[in-house]
Amino acid sequence: MRPNGNPPRAALVAIRELEGALDHRHDARDSAKAALDAARSEAERVLTEARAAGAEAGRRRRAALLTDAEADAAAIRATGKTEAAEILRQHSVEREALIAEFIADVLEQEA
């Protein structure tokens, strides 16, 4: 300190530089916090969009699976109807053959 009670000029300059550095550090911290907040918001937005896209993809996949399953079921039913008709036709032919054989046996026994 000087004899008149005032600090030396270099000390005042050093104090002002320290205050400026502290202000600059504070500003940098605020800027970094703002950038971090913006990055978090962007990450949350991207995550929300990804969830929505995943849900939509799941709905589309479910609809496609149901459509495929319905088509498979229709094909199975059609095949089942065709096979049932063929079994009925074969049964009818065998029944007619059995009746003809029975009639032939009865006529043979009566003769």
C-alpha atoms as a PDB file:
ATOM      1  CA  MET A   1       0.000   0.000   0.000  1.00  0.00           C
ATOM      2  CA  ARG A   2       1.146   3.527  -0.664  1.00  0.00           C
ATOM      3  CA  PRO A   3       1.738   6.041   2.053  1.00  0.00           C
ATOM      4  CA  ASN A   4      -1.462   7.877   1.028  1.00  0.00           C
ATOM      5  CA  GLY A   5      -3.543   4.717   1.650  1.00  0.00           C
ATOM      6  CA  ASN A   6      -4.132   3.795  -1.999  1.00  0.00           C
ATOM      7  CA  PRO A   7      -3.029   0.414  -3.347  1.00  0.00           C
ATOM      8  CA  PRO A   8      -0.375   0.394  -6.070  1.00  0.00           C
ATOM      9  CA  ARG A   9      -1.650   0.678  -9.638  1.00  0.00           C
ATOM     10  CA  ALA A  10      -0.339  -2.810 -10.529  1.00  0.00           C
ATOM     11  CA  ALA A  11      -2.401  -4.312  -7.733  1.00  0.00           C
ATOM     12  CA  LEU A  12      -5.533  -2.587  -9.035  1.00  0.00           C
ATOM     13  CA  VAL A  13      -4.820  -3.853 -12.542  1.00  0.00           C
ATOM     14  CA  ALA A  14      -4.276  -7.370 -11.209  1.00  0.00           C
ATOM     15  CA  ILE A  15      -7.552  -7.226  -9.264  1.00  0.00           C
ATOM     16  CA  ARG A  16      -9.427  -5.996 -12.346  1.00  0.00           C
ATOM     17  CA  GLU A  17      -7.878  -8.801 -14.410  1.00  0.00           C
ATOM     18  CA  LEU A  18      -8.950 -11.356 -11.793  1.00  0.00           C
ATOM     19  CA  GLU A  19     -12.456  -9.918 -11.732  1.00  0.00           C
ATOM     20  CA  GLY A  20     -12.550 -10.027 -15.551  1.00  0.00           C
ATOM     21  CA  ALA A  21     -11.311 -13.624 -15.560  1.00  0.00           C
ATOM     22  CA  LEU A  22     -13.950 -14.576 -12.995  1.00  0.00           C
ATOM     23  CA  ASP A  23     -16.665 -12.854 -15.059  1.00  0.00           C
ATOM     24  CA  HIS A  24     -15.377 -14.576 -18.197  1.00  0.00           C
ATOM     25  CA  ARG A  25     -15.371 -17.932 -16.377  1.00  0.00           C
ATOM     26  CA  HIS A  26     -18.893 -17.285 -15.146  1.00  0.00           C
ATOM     27  CA  ASP A  27     -20.022 -16.375 -18.687  1.00  0.00           C
ATOM     28  CA  ALA A  28     -18.325 -19.493 -20.064  1.00  0.00           C
ATOM     29  CA  ARG A  29     -20.056 -21.623 -17.412  1.00  0.00           C
ATOM     30  CA  ASP A  30     -23.426 -20.082 -18.352  1.00  0.00           C
ATOM     31  CA  SER A  31     -22.725 -20.711 -22.041  1.00  0.00           C
ATOM     32  CA  ALA A  32     -21.708 -24.302 -21.338  1.00  0.00           C
ATOM     33  CA  LYS A  33     -24.839 -24.835 -19.211  1.00  0.00           C
ATOM     34  CA  ALA A  34     -27.023 -23.397 -21.973  1.00  0.00           C
ATOM     35  CA  ALA A  35     -25.337 -25.626 -24.568  1.00  0.00           C
ATOM     36  CA  LEU A  36     -25.755 -28.652 -22.309  1.00  0.00           C
ATOM     37  CA  ASP A  37     -29.433 -27.826 -21.744  1.00  0.00           C
ATOM     38  CA  ALA A  38     -29.942 -27.470 -25.489  1.00  0.00           C
ATOM     39  CA  ALA A  39     -28.191 -30.798 -26.094  1.00  0.00           C
ATOM     40  CA  ARG A  40     -30.366 -32.497 -23.471  1.00  0.00           C
ATOM     41  CA  SER A  41     -33.505 -31.047 -25.066  1.00  0.00           C
ATOM     42  CA  GLU A  42     -32.389 -32.224 -28.493  1.00  0.00           C
ATOM     43  CA  ALA A  43     -31.587 -35.692 -27.138  1.00  0.00           C
ATOM     44  CA  GLU A  44     -35.019 -35.885 -25.510  1.00  0.00           C
ATOM     45  CA  ARG A  45     -36.683 -34.776 -28.770  1.00  0.00           C
ATOM     46  CA  VAL A  46     -34.755 -37.391 -30.764  1.00  0.00           C
ATOM     47  CA  LEU A  47     -35.618 -40.055 -28.202  1.00  0.00           C
ATOM     48  CA  THR A  48     -39.312 -39.114 -28.345  1.00  0.00           C
ATOM     49  CA  GLU A  49     -39.262 -39.276 -32.147  1.00  0.00           C
ATOM     50  CA  ALA A  50     -37.487 -42.648 -32.030  1.00  0.00           C
ATOM     51  CA  ARG A  51     -40.093 -44.012 -29.623  1.00  0.00           C
ATOM     52  CA  ALA A  52     -42.906 -42.786 -31.869  1.00  0.00           C
ATOM     53  CA  ALA A  53     -41.229 -44.253 -34.944  1.00  0.00           C
ATOM     54  CA  GLY A  54     -40.690 -47.557 -33.140  1.00  0.00           C
ATOM     55  CA  ALA A  55     -44.324 -47.664 -32.048  1.00  0.00           C
ATOM     56  CA  GLU A  56     -45.475 -46.930 -35.596  1.00  0.00           C
ATOM     57  CA  ALA A  57     -43.148 -49.587 -37.006  1.00  0.00           C
ATOM     58  CA  GLY A  58     -44.552 -52.031 -34.449  1.00  0.00           C
ATOM     59  CA  ARG A  59     -48.117 -51.199 -35.503  1.00  0.00           C
ATOM     60  CA  ARG A  60     -47.244 -51.675 -39.174  1.00  0.00           C
ATOM     61  CA  ARG A  61     -45.482 -54.971 -38.437  1.00  0.00           C
ATOM     62  CA  ARG A  62     -48.458 -56.183 -36.381  1.00  0.00           C
ATOM     63  CA  ALA A  63     -50.856 -55.262 -39.186  1.00  0.00           C
ATOM     64  CA  ALA A  64     -48.670 -57.063 -41.729  1.00  0.00           C
ATOM     65  CA  LEU A  65     -48.494 -60.162 -39.525  1.00  0.00           C
ATOM     66  CA  LEU A  66     -52.263 -60.157 -39.058  1.00  0.00           C
ATOM     67  CA  THR A  67     -52.805 -59.779 -42.803  1.00  0.00           C
ATOM     68  CA  ASP A  68     -50.430 -62.675 -43.473  1.00  0.00           C
ATOM     69  CA  ALA A  69     -52.116 -64.798 -40.810  1.00  0.00           C
ATOM     70  CA  GLU A  70     -55.559 -64.085 -42.253  1.00  0.00           C
ATOM     71  CA  ALA A  71     -54.339 -65.044 -45.732  1.00  0.00           C
ATOM     72  CA  ASP A  72     -52.806 -68.259 -44.359  1.00  0.00           C
ATOM     73  CA  ALA A  73     -56.029 -69.069 -42.504  1.00  0.00           C
ATOM     74  CA  ALA A  74     -58.091 -68.514 -45.647  1.00  0.00           C
ATOM     75  CA  ALA A  75     -55.766 -70.801 -47.620  1.00  0.00           C
ATOM     76  CA  ILE A  76     -55.940 -73.472 -44.916  1.00  0.00           C
ATOM     77  CA  ARG A  77     -59.754 -73.270 -44.860  1.00  0.00           C
ATOM     78  CA  ALA A  78     -59.920 -73.526 -48.652  1.00  0.00           C
ATOM     79  CA  THR A  79     -57.578 -76.523 -48.632  1.00  0.00           C
ATOM     80  CA  GLY A  80     -59.634 -78.107 -45.853  1.00  0.00           C
ATOM     81  CA  LYS A  81     -62.850 -77.646 -47.844  1.00  0.00           C
ATOM     82  CA  THR A  82     -61.234 -79.155 -50.933  1.00  0.00           C
ATOM     83  CA  GLU A  83     -59.905 -82.110 -48.937  1.00  0.00           C
ATOM     84  CA  ALA A  84     -63.289 -82.612 -47.235  1.00  0.00           C
ATOM     85  CA  ALA A  85     -65.055 -82.573 -50.616  1.00  0.00           C
ATOM     86  CA  GLU A  86     -62.570 -85.145 -51.927  1.00  0.00           C
ATOM     87  CA  ILE A  87     -63.115 -87.377 -48.875  1.00  0.00           C
ATOM     88  CA  LEU A  88     -66.896 -87.134 -49.365  1.00  0.00           C
ATOM     89  CA  ARG A  89     -66.512 -87.992 -53.053  1.00  0.00           C
ATOM     90  CA  GLN A  90     -64.299 -90.992 -52.244  1.00  0.00           C
ATOM     91  CA  HIS A  91     -66.729 -92.102 -49.548  1.00  0.00           C
ATOM     92  CA  SER A  92     -69.619 -91.843 -51.989  1.00  0.00           C
ATOM     93  CA  VAL A  93     -67.742 -93.877 -54.618  1.00  0.00           C
ATOM     94  CA  GLU A  94     -66.801 -96.528 -52.046  1.00  0.00           C
ATOM     95  CA  ARG A  95     -70.384 -96.616 -50.734  1.00  0.00           C
ATOM     96  CA  GLU A  96     -71.736 -97.069 -54.263  1.00  0.00           C
ATOM     97  CA  ALA A  97     -69.195 -99.831 -54.865  1.00  0.00           C
ATOM     98  CA  LEU A  98     -70.156-101.520 -51.588  1.00  0.00           C
ATOM     99  CA  ILE A  99     -73.859-101.284 -52.453  1.00  0.00           C
ATOM    100  CA  ALA A 100     -73.214-102.718 -55.904  1.00  0.00           C
ATOM    101  CA  GLU A 101     -71.177-105.542 -54.361  1.00  0.00           C
ATOM    102  CA  PHE A 102     -73.903-106.208 -51.788  1.00  0.00           C
ATOM    103  CA  ILE A 103     -76.617-106.273 -54.470  1.00  0.00           C
ATOM    104  CA  ALA A 104     -74.517-108.640 -56.556  1.00  0.00           C
ATOM    105  CA  ASP A 105     -74.081-110.967 -53.542  1.00  0.00           C
ATOM    106  CA  VAL A 106     -77.819-110.857 -52.736  1.00  0.00           C
ATOM    107  CA  LEU A 107     -78.786-111.538 -56.360  1.00  0.00           C
ATOM    108  CA  GLU A 108     -76.274-114.349 -56.521  1.00  0.00           C
ATOM    109  CA  GLN A 109     -77.720-115.903 -53.353  1.00  0.00           C
ATOM    110  CA  GLU A 110     -81.258-115.621 -54.730  1.00  0.00           C
ATOM    111  CA  ALA A 111     -80.378-117.216 -57.981  1.00  0.00           C
END
